[in-house]
N, C-alpha and C. Protein backbone atom coordinates (compact mmCIF):
# COMPACT_ATOMS: atom_id res chain seq x y z
N UNK A 1 3.65 68.63 10.28
CA UNK A 1 3.52 67.80 11.67
C UNK A 1 4.38 67.20 12.37
N UNK A 2 5.57 66.67 12.20
CA UNK A 2 6.60 66.14 13.20
C UNK A 2 7.40 67.35 13.96
N UNK A 3 7.61 68.74 13.03
CA UNK A 3 8.88 69.82 13.56
C UNK A 3 7.39 69.91 14.56
N UNK A 4 5.55 70.15 14.16
CA UNK A 4 4.41 70.63 15.56
C UNK A 4 4.74 69.84 16.56
N UNK A 5 4.95 68.30 16.75
CA UNK A 5 4.80 67.32 17.71
C UNK A 5 5.84 67.75 18.21
N UNK A 6 7.34 67.52 18.03
CA UNK A 6 8.31 67.88 19.01
C UNK A 6 7.76 68.69 19.38
N UNK A 7 8.03 70.93 18.67
CA UNK A 7 7.09 71.56 19.64
C UNK A 7 6.12 71.82 20.67
N UNK A 8 5.89 70.81 20.75
CA UNK A 8 4.89 70.31 21.48
C UNK A 8 5.59 69.66 22.33
N UNK A 9 5.77 68.33 22.64
CA UNK A 9 7.39 68.13 23.30
C UNK A 9 8.04 68.85 24.22
N UNK A 10 8.74 69.51 23.28
CA UNK A 10 9.12 70.07 24.35
C UNK A 10 8.64 70.85 25.61
N UNK A 11 7.53 71.91 24.61
CA UNK A 11 7.16 72.47 26.23
C UNK A 11 6.47 71.88 27.19
N UNK A 12 5.88 70.97 26.14
CA UNK A 12 5.34 69.69 27.75
C UNK A 12 5.86 69.72 28.04
N UNK A 13 7.55 69.06 28.04
CA UNK A 13 9.15 68.46 29.35
C UNK A 13 9.09 70.06 29.67
N UNK A 14 9.44 71.93 29.15
CA UNK A 14 9.33 72.88 30.27
C UNK A 14 8.36 72.28 31.27
N UNK A 15 7.74 72.26 30.29
CA UNK A 15 6.30 72.55 31.76
C UNK A 15 6.41 71.88 32.56
N UNK A 16 7.21 70.72 32.83
CA UNK A 16 6.41 69.51 33.94
C UNK A 16 8.26 69.71 34.66
N UNK A 17 9.42 70.30 33.99
CA UNK A 17 10.52 70.73 35.09
C UNK A 17 10.20 71.85 35.23
N UNK A 18 9.14 73.01 34.88
CA UNK A 18 8.73 73.94 36.51
C UNK A 18 7.54 73.67 37.07
N UNK A 19 6.69 71.90 37.13
CA UNK A 19 6.38 72.04 38.39
C UNK A 19 7.23 71.50 38.42
N UNK A 20 8.02 70.99 38.21
CA UNK A 20 8.65 69.65 39.10
C UNK A 20 10.24 71.03 40.58
N UNK A 21 9.83 72.17 39.72
CA UNK A 21 11.46 73.50 39.80
C UNK A 21 10.52 73.63 40.56
N UNK A 22 9.24 74.27 40.92
CA UNK A 22 7.89 75.05 42.01
C UNK A 22 7.51 73.82 43.44
N UNK A 23 7.48 72.78 43.05
CA UNK A 23 7.25 71.47 43.87
C UNK A 23 8.63 71.70 45.02
N UNK A 24 9.67 72.29 44.75
CA UNK A 24 10.54 71.85 45.09
C UNK A 24 11.24 72.65 45.85
N UNK A 25 10.61 73.53 45.14
CA UNK A 25 10.93 74.48 46.23
C UNK A 25 9.86 75.33 46.62
N UNK A 26 9.03 74.86 47.10
CA UNK A 26 7.89 75.00 48.03
C UNK A 26 7.32 74.09 49.15
N UNK A 27 8.48 73.40 49.25
CA UNK A 27 9.07 72.14 49.78
C UNK A 27 10.10 71.79 50.49
N UNK A 28 11.20 73.07 49.71
CA UNK A 28 12.80 72.61 50.38
C UNK A 28 12.38 73.33 51.97
N UNK A 29 13.50 72.81 52.33
CA UNK A 29 14.00 73.85 54.02
C UNK A 29 15.51 73.70 54.80
N UNK A 30 15.83 74.49 55.43
CA UNK A 30 17.37 74.46 55.53
C UNK A 30 17.78 72.59 55.62
N UNK A 31 17.86 72.10 55.96
CA UNK A 31 18.23 70.70 56.42
C UNK A 31 18.46 70.53 57.61
N UNK A 32 18.00 70.08 58.41
CA UNK A 32 17.38 69.21 60.07
C UNK A 32 18.75 69.57 60.56
N UNK A 33 19.89 68.36 59.83
CA UNK A 33 21.22 68.26 60.41
C UNK A 33 21.74 69.29 61.07
N UNK A 34 21.70 69.90 60.29
CA UNK A 34 22.48 72.00 59.97
C UNK A 34 21.77 72.94 60.70
N UNK A 35 20.60 72.31 60.77
CA UNK A 35 19.19 73.39 62.26
C UNK A 35 18.61 72.55 62.64
N UNK A 36 18.42 72.15 63.33
CA UNK A 36 17.91 70.72 63.79
C UNK A 36 16.91 71.99 64.54
N UNK A 37 16.88 73.43 65.32
CA UNK A 37 15.28 73.90 65.49
C UNK A 37 14.42 74.54 64.52
N UNK A 38 13.81 73.56 63.56
CA UNK A 38 12.71 74.46 62.97
C UNK A 38 11.37 74.99 63.14
N UNK A 39 10.85 75.64 62.15
CA UNK A 39 9.28 76.31 62.92
C UNK A 39 8.83 77.19 61.86
N UNK A 40 7.57 77.64 62.88
CA UNK A 40 6.72 79.05 61.29
C UNK A 40 6.37 80.06 62.16
N UNK A 41 6.57 81.48 61.42
CA UNK A 41 5.94 81.97 61.95
C UNK A 41 4.39 82.57 60.96
N UNK A 42 3.52 83.23 61.94
CA UNK A 42 2.67 83.25 61.00
C UNK A 42 2.45 84.61 60.97
N UNK A 43 0.96 84.71 59.82
CA UNK A 43 1.27 86.80 59.81
C UNK A 43 -0.45 87.19 60.31
N UNK A 44 -0.18 88.65 60.24
CA UNK A 44 -1.15 88.38 61.11
C UNK A 44 -2.79 87.67 59.95
N UNK A 45 -3.69 88.05 61.02
CA UNK A 45 -4.74 86.86 60.50
C UNK A 45 -4.90 85.89 59.83
N UNK A 46 -3.93 84.89 60.30
CA UNK A 46 -3.63 84.12 59.94
C UNK A 46 -4.47 82.58 59.72
N UNK A 47 -4.28 81.48 58.55
CA UNK A 47 -5.51 80.60 58.38
C UNK A 47 -5.88 79.13 59.65
N UNK A 48 -6.85 78.81 59.19
CA UNK A 48 -6.55 77.51 60.72
C UNK A 48 -5.44 77.02 60.31
N UNK A 49 -5.06 76.11 61.51
CA UNK A 49 -3.53 75.83 61.33
C UNK A 49 -4.15 74.76 62.33
N UNK A 50 -4.02 73.22 61.31
CA UNK A 50 -4.03 72.03 62.59
C UNK A 50 -2.03 71.44 63.16
N UNK A 51 -2.14 72.86 64.22
CA UNK A 51 -1.29 71.52 65.20
C UNK A 51 -0.55 71.06 65.62
N UNK A 52 -1.02 70.15 65.61
CA UNK A 52 -0.41 68.70 65.78
C UNK A 52 -0.16 68.39 64.87
N UNK A 53 -0.82 67.96 63.89
CA UNK A 53 -0.31 68.04 61.65
C UNK A 53 1.02 68.38 61.79
N UNK A 54 1.03 69.68 61.83
CA UNK A 54 2.60 71.17 61.59
C UNK A 54 3.45 70.42 62.79
N UNK A 55 3.59 69.73 63.87
CA UNK A 55 4.29 69.26 64.31
C UNK A 55 4.66 68.16 64.23
N UNK A 56 3.74 66.90 63.52
CA UNK A 56 4.14 66.31 63.41
C UNK A 56 4.86 66.48 62.18
N UNK A 57 5.38 67.36 60.95
CA UNK A 57 5.80 67.42 59.88
C UNK A 57 7.53 68.25 60.05
N UNK A 58 7.69 68.64 61.60
CA UNK A 58 8.94 68.45 61.85
C UNK A 58 8.84 69.65 62.33
N UNK A 59 7.76 70.78 62.96
CA UNK A 59 7.95 72.08 63.28
C UNK A 59 7.64 71.94 64.33
N UNK A 60 8.95 72.27 64.96
CA UNK A 60 9.41 71.96 66.74
C UNK A 60 9.00 73.71 67.13
N UNK A 61 8.77 75.09 66.96
CA UNK A 61 7.22 76.20 67.03
C UNK A 61 6.97 77.07 66.63
N UNK A 62 6.38 78.27 66.81
CA UNK A 62 6.00 78.91 65.58
C UNK A 62 5.70 79.93 66.69
N UNK A 63 5.87 80.83 66.25
CA UNK A 63 5.98 82.17 65.89
C UNK A 63 4.76 83.04 65.76
N UNK A 64 3.24 83.71 66.68
CA UNK A 64 2.73 84.22 66.18
C UNK A 64 1.87 85.53 66.80
N UNK A 65 1.36 86.60 65.90
CA UNK A 65 1.78 87.29 65.69
C UNK A 65 0.62 88.09 67.22
N UNK A 66 0.76 88.42 67.86
CA UNK A 66 -0.37 89.07 69.57
C UNK A 66 -0.67 90.82 68.59
N UNK A 67 0.38 91.23 68.51
CA UNK A 67 -0.66 93.29 68.50
C UNK A 67 0.04 93.66 67.39
N UNK A 68 -0.30 95.45 66.61
CA UNK A 68 -0.18 95.64 65.58
C UNK A 68 -0.06 96.55 66.28
N UNK A 69 1.02 97.48 66.74
CA UNK A 69 0.47 99.12 66.59
C UNK A 69 0.61 99.11 68.32
N UNK A 70 -0.02 100.51 68.63
CA UNK A 70 -0.88 100.44 70.20
C UNK A 70 -2.81 99.44 69.20
N UNK A 71 -3.32 99.55 68.30
CA UNK A 71 -4.34 99.30 68.89
C UNK A 71 -4.87 98.00 68.18
N UNK A 72 -4.32 96.97 67.35
CA UNK A 72 -4.80 95.76 66.56
C UNK A 72 -4.38 95.33 67.68
N UNK A 73 -5.64 93.80 68.02
CA UNK A 73 -5.05 93.29 68.67
C UNK A 73 -5.79 91.41 67.13
N UNK A 74 -4.99 90.40 67.10
CA UNK A 74 -4.08 89.91 66.50
C UNK A 74 -6.01 88.88 66.70
N UNK A 75 -6.80 88.78 66.23
CA UNK A 75 -8.05 87.61 66.97
C UNK A 75 -8.01 85.95 67.05
N UNK A 76 -7.10 85.65 66.83
CA UNK A 76 -6.54 84.12 66.78
C UNK A 76 -5.24 84.35 67.59
N UNK A 77 -4.87 85.08 67.88
CA UNK A 77 -3.59 84.86 69.34
C UNK A 77 -4.59 84.14 70.17
N UNK A 78 -5.23 84.62 71.21
CA UNK A 78 -5.27 83.78 71.88
C UNK A 78 -5.66 82.29 71.63
N UNK A 79 -5.88 82.00 71.04
CA UNK A 79 -6.65 80.81 70.75
C UNK A 79 -5.11 79.27 70.23
N UNK A 80 -4.30 80.28 68.99
CA UNK A 80 -3.23 79.62 68.88
C UNK A 80 -2.36 79.62 69.81
N UNK A 81 -1.99 80.77 70.95
CA UNK A 81 -1.72 81.26 72.19
C UNK A 81 -1.43 79.47 73.26
N UNK A 82 -2.69 79.42 73.41
CA UNK A 82 -2.94 78.22 74.19
C UNK A 82 -2.86 76.67 73.31
N UNK A 83 -3.46 76.85 71.99
CA UNK A 83 -3.17 75.30 71.98
C UNK A 83 -2.21 74.81 71.47
N UNK A 84 -1.16 75.83 71.46
CA UNK A 84 0.41 75.24 71.06
C UNK A 84 1.35 74.40 71.60
N UNK A 85 1.09 74.75 73.21
CA UNK A 85 1.36 73.84 73.89
C UNK A 85 0.89 72.81 74.15
N UNK A 86 -0.10 72.24 73.73
CA UNK A 86 -0.86 71.33 74.08
C UNK A 86 -0.73 70.59 72.85
N UNK A 87 -0.01 70.91 71.39
CA UNK A 87 0.47 69.92 70.20
C UNK A 87 2.29 69.78 70.49
N UNK A 88 2.10 70.59 71.60
CA UNK A 88 3.94 69.67 71.62
C UNK A 88 4.79 70.92 70.93
N UNK A 89 4.20 71.90 70.47
CA UNK A 89 5.61 73.24 70.02
C UNK A 89 5.60 73.94 71.04
N UNK A 90 7.13 74.88 70.59
CA UNK A 90 7.05 75.82 72.00
C UNK A 90 6.57 77.16 71.43
N UNK A 91 5.70 78.26 71.93
CA UNK A 91 5.26 78.54 71.51
C UNK A 91 6.07 80.80 71.88
N UNK A 92 5.90 81.16 70.67
CA UNK A 92 6.36 82.94 70.53
C UNK A 92 5.55 83.62 70.46
N UNK A 93 5.54 85.58 70.62
CA UNK A 93 4.72 85.64 70.37
C UNK A 93 5.13 87.14 69.41
N UNK A 94 4.54 87.72 68.49
CA UNK A 94 5.16 88.60 67.50
C UNK A 94 4.14 89.78 68.03
N UNK A 95 5.22 90.95 67.70
CA UNK A 95 4.41 92.44 67.61
C UNK A 95 5.26 92.98 66.53
N UNK A 96 4.17 93.39 65.78
CA UNK A 96 4.56 94.43 64.75
C UNK A 96 3.97 95.85 65.45
N UNK A 97 5.74 96.59 64.86
CA UNK A 97 6.09 97.47 65.64
C UNK A 97 5.61 99.09 64.48
N UNK A 98 4.81 100.15 64.97
CA UNK A 98 5.16 101.47 64.22
C UNK A 98 5.35 102.34 63.83
N UNK A 99 5.91 103.22 62.92
CA UNK A 99 6.58 104.14 63.48
C UNK A 99 5.49 105.64 63.88
N UNK A 100 4.25 105.43 64.07
CA UNK A 100 3.32 106.05 63.63
C UNK A 100 2.73 106.15 65.10
N UNK A 101 3.15 105.54 66.10
CA UNK A 101 2.17 105.53 66.69
C UNK A 101 2.86 105.52 68.63
N UNK A 102 3.15 106.25 69.54
CA UNK A 102 4.31 105.89 70.37
C UNK A 102 4.45 104.18 70.53
N UNK A 103 6.27 104.23 71.02
CA UNK A 103 6.18 103.38 71.95
C UNK A 103 5.85 102.87 72.36
N UNK A 104 5.33 103.51 73.57
CA UNK A 104 4.79 103.57 74.81
C UNK A 104 3.11 103.09 74.85
N UNK A 105 2.38 103.08 74.23
CA UNK A 105 1.37 102.25 74.39
C UNK A 105 1.64 100.92 73.67
N UNK A 106 2.27 101.21 72.18
CA UNK A 106 2.54 99.56 71.55
C UNK A 106 2.56 98.49 73.22
N UNK A 107 3.50 99.56 74.02
CA UNK A 107 4.48 98.12 74.64
C UNK A 107 3.14 97.65 75.93
N UNK A 108 2.02 98.92 76.16
CA UNK A 108 1.23 97.97 76.68
C UNK A 108 -0.13 97.34 76.28
N UNK A 109 -0.19 97.70 75.14
CA UNK A 109 -0.45 96.52 73.49
C UNK A 109 -0.69 95.80 74.20
N UNK A 110 0.59 95.18 74.35
CA UNK A 110 1.34 93.98 74.12
C UNK A 110 1.41 93.22 75.87
N UNK A 111 1.68 94.00 76.09
CA UNK A 111 1.65 93.10 77.77
C UNK A 111 0.79 92.92 78.25
N UNK A 112 -0.31 93.66 77.12
CA UNK A 112 -1.73 94.31 78.44
C UNK A 112 -2.57 92.27 77.92
N UNK A 113 -2.32 92.03 77.11
CA UNK A 113 -2.91 91.41 76.44
C UNK A 113 -1.61 89.92 75.87
N UNK A 114 -0.37 89.88 76.20
CA UNK A 114 0.41 89.11 76.01
C UNK A 114 0.34 88.40 77.55
N UNK A 115 0.10 87.28 77.63
CA UNK A 115 0.63 86.47 79.38
C UNK A 115 1.78 86.10 78.95
N UNK A 116 2.06 86.57 81.16
CA UNK A 116 3.58 85.82 80.69
C UNK A 116 3.27 84.41 81.07
N UNK A 117 4.67 83.80 79.92
CA UNK A 117 4.47 82.43 80.31
C UNK A 117 5.88 82.19 81.14
N UNK A 118 6.11 80.84 81.95
CA UNK A 118 7.76 80.75 81.71
C UNK A 118 7.81 79.68 80.48
N UNK A 119 7.27 79.33 79.72
CA UNK A 119 7.33 78.35 78.80
C UNK A 119 7.65 79.35 77.03
N UNK A 120 7.93 80.11 76.92
CA UNK A 120 7.12 81.11 75.67
C UNK A 120 8.34 81.32 75.73
N UNK A 121 8.68 81.88 74.39
CA UNK A 121 10.13 81.79 73.57
C UNK A 121 9.99 83.35 73.81
N UNK A 122 11.65 84.10 73.17
CA UNK A 122 11.09 85.31 73.66
C UNK A 122 10.81 86.29 72.57
N UNK A 123 10.07 87.01 72.73
CA UNK A 123 8.95 87.93 72.79
C UNK A 123 9.88 88.31 71.43
N UNK A 124 9.13 88.89 70.04
CA UNK A 124 9.87 89.56 69.55
C UNK A 124 9.06 90.37 68.56
N UNK A 125 10.40 91.41 68.38
CA UNK A 125 9.64 92.71 67.03
C UNK A 125 10.34 92.33 65.90
N UNK A 126 8.63 92.93 65.15
CA UNK A 126 8.66 93.18 64.32
C UNK A 126 9.00 94.45 63.60
N UNK A 127 10.25 94.56 62.74
CA UNK A 127 10.94 96.24 62.95
C UNK A 127 10.86 96.44 61.02
N UNK A 128 10.29 97.06 59.60
CA UNK A 128 9.55 96.80 59.32
C UNK A 128 8.67 97.33 58.16
N UNK A 129 8.71 98.38 57.46
CA UNK A 129 8.14 99.51 56.75
C UNK A 129 6.63 98.37 56.69
N UNK A 130 5.46 99.66 56.63
CA UNK A 130 3.89 98.91 56.18
C UNK A 130 3.72 99.81 55.23
N UNK A 131 3.01 100.23 54.44
CA UNK A 131 2.06 100.88 53.24
C UNK A 131 0.98 101.63 54.89
N UNK A 132 0.76 101.13 55.79
CA UNK A 132 -0.20 102.10 56.63
C UNK A 132 1.01 103.22 57.36
N UNK A 133 1.50 103.80 57.16
CA UNK A 133 2.38 104.67 57.82
C UNK A 133 3.51 104.73 57.28
N UNK A 134 3.78 106.70 56.36
CA UNK A 134 4.78 106.66 55.63
C UNK A 134 5.41 107.42 56.76
N UNK A 135 5.49 107.32 57.96
CA UNK A 135 6.98 108.13 58.92
C UNK A 135 7.48 108.08 58.97
N UNK A 136 8.66 109.31 59.30
CA UNK A 136 10.09 108.29 59.01
C UNK A 136 11.24 108.89 60.04
N UNK A 137 11.01 108.57 61.32
CA UNK A 137 11.70 109.33 62.13
C UNK A 137 13.01 109.61 62.35
N UNK A 138 13.94 110.37 62.46
CA UNK A 138 15.69 110.34 62.44
C UNK A 138 15.33 109.13 63.31
N UNK A 139 17.14 108.64 62.93
CA UNK A 139 17.47 107.88 63.87
C UNK A 139 17.54 107.65 65.34
N UNK A 140 18.12 109.04 65.89
CA UNK A 140 18.39 109.13 67.20
C UNK A 140 16.30 108.69 67.76
N UNK A 141 15.95 109.68 67.06
CA UNK A 141 14.18 109.38 67.71
C UNK A 141 14.24 107.77 67.93
N UNK A 142 14.09 107.15 66.35
CA UNK A 142 13.43 106.03 66.53
C UNK A 142 14.55 104.98 68.04
N UNK A 143 15.95 105.02 68.13
CA UNK A 143 16.63 103.84 68.43
C UNK A 143 15.66 104.41 70.20
N UNK A 144 15.42 105.75 70.92
CA UNK A 144 14.92 106.15 71.51
C UNK A 144 13.86 105.58 71.87
N UNK A 145 12.87 105.58 70.54
CA UNK A 145 11.18 104.84 71.30
C UNK A 145 11.71 103.41 71.86
N UNK A 146 12.70 102.74 70.89
CA UNK A 146 12.89 101.65 70.67
C UNK A 146 12.90 101.23 71.89
N UNK A 147 13.89 101.08 72.19
CA UNK A 147 14.46 101.52 73.82
C UNK A 147 13.05 101.54 75.06
N UNK A 148 12.46 102.27 75.00
CA UNK A 148 11.56 103.02 75.55
C UNK A 148 10.39 101.24 76.03
N UNK A 149 10.63 100.74 73.94
CA UNK A 149 9.50 99.86 74.45
C UNK A 149 10.45 98.54 74.40
N UNK A 150 11.63 98.45 74.24
CA UNK A 150 11.71 96.78 74.71
C UNK A 150 11.98 96.85 76.14
N UNK A 151 12.56 98.33 77.20
CA UNK A 151 13.07 97.74 78.32
C UNK A 151 11.29 97.45 78.99
N UNK A 152 10.43 98.11 78.77
CA UNK A 152 8.54 98.24 79.13
C UNK A 152 7.94 96.26 78.59
N UNK A 153 8.93 95.74 77.61
CA UNK A 153 8.61 94.98 76.84
C UNK A 153 9.27 93.31 78.00
N UNK A 154 10.45 93.69 78.01
CA UNK A 154 11.26 92.75 78.61
C UNK A 154 10.98 92.49 80.13
N UNK A 155 10.63 94.53 80.57
CA UNK A 155 9.93 93.86 82.54
C UNK A 155 8.87 92.89 82.26
N UNK A 156 7.83 92.98 81.83
CA UNK A 156 6.85 92.48 81.40
C UNK A 156 6.91 91.08 81.09
N UNK A 157 8.06 90.61 80.32
CA UNK A 157 8.10 89.01 79.83
C UNK A 157 9.01 88.55 80.51
N UNK A 158 9.98 88.83 81.74
CA UNK A 158 11.16 88.56 81.85
C UNK A 158 12.21 87.97 81.22
N UNK A 159 12.83 88.89 79.86
CA UNK A 159 13.66 87.84 78.74
C UNK A 159 13.59 89.26 78.05
N UNK A 160 15.10 88.51 77.14
CA UNK A 160 15.77 89.56 76.59
C UNK A 160 14.08 89.22 74.67
N UNK A 161 14.07 90.62 74.19
CA UNK A 161 13.58 90.16 73.09
C UNK A 161 14.82 89.80 71.81
N UNK A 162 13.87 89.78 70.56
CA UNK A 162 14.64 89.37 69.26
C UNK A 162 13.94 90.45 68.70
N UNK A 163 14.89 90.74 67.41
CA UNK A 163 14.47 91.76 67.02
C UNK A 163 14.29 90.75 65.19
N UNK A 164 13.19 91.35 64.83
CA UNK A 164 13.21 91.07 62.92
C UNK A 164 13.40 91.77 62.71
N UNK A 165 14.15 91.94 61.87
CA UNK A 165 14.13 92.59 61.21
C UNK A 165 14.76 93.19 59.22
N UNK A 166 14.11 94.09 58.99
CA UNK A 166 13.39 93.60 57.81
C UNK A 166 14.83 94.01 56.92
N UNK A 167 15.51 94.40 56.01
CA UNK A 167 16.37 94.40 54.96
C UNK A 167 16.62 96.12 54.45
N UNK A 168 15.00 95.83 54.24
CA UNK A 168 15.37 98.02 53.75
C UNK A 168 14.82 99.01 55.67
N UNK A 169 14.16 97.99 56.52
CA UNK A 169 14.24 99.45 57.44
C UNK A 169 16.30 98.50 58.14
N UNK A 170 16.76 97.95 57.58
CA UNK A 170 18.08 97.79 58.68
C UNK A 170 18.78 99.04 57.73
N UNK A 171 18.70 98.70 56.60
CA UNK A 171 19.45 99.68 55.76
C UNK A 171 19.45 100.89 55.21
N UNK A 172 17.83 101.53 56.43
CA UNK A 172 17.36 103.20 56.53
C UNK A 172 18.36 103.48 58.10
N UNK A 173 18.17 102.01 58.66
CA UNK A 173 18.25 102.66 60.44
C UNK A 173 19.53 101.75 61.07
N UNK A 174 19.49 101.64 59.90
CA UNK A 174 21.16 99.97 61.39
C UNK A 174 20.98 100.30 62.08
N UNK A 175 19.42 100.02 62.72
CA UNK A 175 18.62 99.25 64.02
C UNK A 175 20.20 98.31 64.95
N UNK A 176 20.47 97.14 63.20
CA UNK A 176 21.60 95.83 64.63
C UNK A 176 22.25 96.75 64.93
N UNK A 177 22.95 98.10 64.92
CA UNK A 177 24.12 97.78 66.14
C UNK A 177 24.03 98.84 66.66
N UNK A 178 22.74 99.03 67.21
CA UNK A 178 22.10 99.58 68.16
C UNK A 178 21.84 99.50 69.46
N UNK A 179 21.43 97.61 69.29
CA UNK A 179 20.66 97.51 70.41
C UNK A 179 21.62 95.08 69.88
N UNK A 180 21.53 95.49 71.29
CA UNK A 180 22.52 94.42 71.56
C UNK A 180 21.38 93.00 72.16
N UNK A 181 20.44 92.37 70.85
CA UNK A 181 20.27 91.52 71.43
C UNK A 181 19.22 90.67 69.70
N UNK A 182 18.90 88.98 70.31
CA UNK A 182 18.96 88.76 68.95
C UNK A 182 18.20 89.14 67.75
N UNK A 183 19.03 88.80 66.83
CA UNK A 183 18.22 88.86 65.44
C UNK A 183 17.46 87.58 64.80
N UNK A 184 16.59 88.80 64.47
CA UNK A 184 15.68 87.44 63.74
C UNK A 184 15.78 88.11 62.11
N UNK A 185 16.44 87.80 61.35
CA UNK A 185 16.88 88.00 59.94
C UNK A 185 16.24 87.52 58.87
N UNK A 186 15.63 87.91 57.45
CA UNK A 186 14.46 87.53 56.64
C UNK A 186 15.59 86.92 54.82
N UNK A 187 15.54 86.39 54.42
CA UNK A 187 16.33 85.66 53.86
C UNK A 187 15.75 84.79 52.29
N UNK A 188 14.84 84.91 51.73
CA UNK A 188 14.02 83.37 50.81
C UNK A 188 15.31 81.91 50.12
N UNK A 189 15.53 81.62 50.89
CA UNK A 189 16.86 80.40 50.28
C UNK A 189 17.86 80.84 50.10
N UNK A 190 18.56 81.91 50.87
CA UNK A 190 19.55 82.75 50.91
C UNK A 190 20.20 82.30 52.27
N UNK A 191 20.92 82.70 52.37
CA UNK A 191 20.96 82.90 54.25
C UNK A 191 21.24 84.58 54.20
N UNK A 192 20.57 85.27 54.68
CA UNK A 192 21.11 86.62 55.12
C UNK A 192 21.92 87.24 55.31
N UNK A 193 22.82 88.32 55.20
CA UNK A 193 23.06 89.07 55.87
C UNK A 193 24.22 90.66 55.45
N UNK A 194 22.87 90.91 56.15
CA UNK A 194 22.58 92.16 56.32
C UNK A 194 22.86 92.94 57.49
N UNK A 195 22.90 92.35 57.98
CA UNK A 195 22.53 92.56 60.06
C UNK A 195 24.29 92.94 60.28
N UNK A 196 24.40 93.75 60.83
CA UNK A 196 25.71 94.04 61.69
C UNK A 196 25.92 92.50 62.66
N UNK A 197 24.58 91.45 62.79
CA UNK A 197 26.04 91.19 63.91
C UNK A 197 24.91 89.81 63.11
N UNK A 198 25.74 88.34 63.42
CA UNK A 198 25.27 87.49 63.16
C UNK A 198 23.62 87.32 64.02
N UNK A 199 22.95 86.57 62.93
CA UNK A 199 21.54 86.18 63.14
C UNK A 199 21.27 85.75 64.17
N UNK A 200 20.25 85.32 64.64
CA UNK A 200 19.59 83.96 65.82
C UNK A 200 19.37 83.43 64.94
N UNK A 201 17.91 83.92 64.00
CA UNK A 201 17.43 82.81 63.66
C UNK A 201 16.83 84.18 62.04
N UNK A 202 16.45 82.77 61.33
CA UNK A 202 17.37 83.34 60.10
C UNK A 202 14.88 82.54 59.34
N UNK A 203 14.47 83.31 59.05
CA UNK A 203 13.53 83.18 57.24
C UNK A 203 13.56 83.12 56.79
N UNK A 204 13.34 81.86 56.50
CA UNK A 204 13.88 81.13 55.36
C UNK A 204 13.16 80.61 54.39
N UNK A 205 11.90 80.85 53.94
CA UNK A 205 11.33 80.84 53.10
C UNK A 205 10.27 80.95 53.89
N UNK A 206 9.62 81.93 52.76
CA UNK A 206 7.70 82.45 52.63
C UNK A 206 6.93 81.75 51.43
N UNK A 207 6.92 81.40 51.15
CA UNK A 207 6.27 79.91 49.99
C UNK A 207 6.22 79.05 51.08
N UNK A 208 7.25 78.32 51.51
CA UNK A 208 6.62 77.19 51.78
C UNK A 208 5.11 76.22 52.04
N UNK A 209 4.86 74.82 51.53
CA UNK A 209 3.45 74.30 51.68
C UNK A 209 3.67 73.75 52.85
N UNK A 210 3.11 73.06 53.30
CA UNK A 210 2.85 72.23 54.42
C UNK A 210 1.33 71.12 55.16
N UNK A 211 1.94 70.14 55.60
CA UNK A 211 0.48 69.86 55.82
C UNK A 211 0.06 70.11 57.40
N UNK A 212 -1.31 70.65 57.16
CA UNK A 212 -1.96 71.21 58.18
C UNK A 212 -2.27 72.42 57.62
N UNK A 213 -1.76 73.77 56.73
CA UNK A 213 -2.00 75.51 56.86
C UNK A 213 -2.62 75.11 55.76
N UNK A 214 -2.63 76.17 54.97
CA UNK A 214 -3.31 76.22 53.64
C UNK A 214 -3.00 77.08 52.97
N UNK A 215 -2.05 76.81 52.41
CA UNK A 215 -1.88 77.97 51.23
C UNK A 215 0.26 78.40 51.62
N UNK A 216 0.94 79.13 51.81
CA UNK A 216 2.15 79.48 52.64
C UNK A 216 2.83 79.97 53.46
N UNK A 217 4.00 79.35 53.91
CA UNK A 217 4.27 79.23 55.19
C UNK A 217 5.26 80.38 55.68
N UNK A 218 5.57 80.83 56.71
CA UNK A 218 6.62 81.42 56.69
C UNK A 218 7.72 80.53 57.55
N UNK A 219 8.93 80.24 56.49
CA UNK A 219 9.50 78.35 57.89
C UNK A 219 10.49 79.06 58.74
N UNK A 220 10.63 79.37 59.59
CA UNK A 220 12.42 79.45 59.99
C UNK A 220 12.96 78.35 60.79
N UNK A 221 13.81 78.78 60.31
CA UNK A 221 15.58 78.01 61.51
C UNK A 221 16.28 79.10 62.15
N UNK A 222 16.87 78.16 63.09
CA UNK A 222 17.45 78.98 64.35
C UNK A 222 19.19 77.85 64.44
N UNK A 223 19.97 78.60 64.36
CA UNK A 223 21.48 78.92 64.05
C UNK A 223 21.68 78.00 65.75
N UNK A 224 22.32 76.98 65.71
CA UNK A 224 22.43 75.84 66.41
C UNK A 224 23.24 76.35 67.51
């Protein structure tokens, strides 16, 4: 019986340690002393967000998905876009780029849907592979198409875009060598080093828990 008791006590201790570690991981963020500007980015069809609560919890900005490809508009975008300045948060719009649809049509979709705003952060282009698109154009074609997209969006927003490049996409296309634009890199808890140039923004966690949002959020920091 004593042995069984010791085994049970050991398992409970391990469980408590595991729960403590998970709590630490889901509440971790890079040091605010080093990264003064921190915020979130939302996925498509995000849960409701209490923006003032999020601001009080240390978020300075939020990037929200506006469009995906040439034919998807996020239904939550307009309300969130209007609510962010009222809550004291800076706002940025994201376009999820599709390798299966024409670049010009995608740029038109973004430009029509996202209003030009002087207070807006640079528009971000998400470059990653998606299950609903198996197209893999050659690099020269992709660079030409992205150049067209970037030119059209920057003409509309009057600001340089930012490229959110996933590691598999960068490995396939080395896209960060083709565009002299700020890089938004992705890497949970570990600083990413896969881009050809230093990143400007880092998605440091995609499982952080914060007050004001149900479920995990993507937490981002900006280089000093």
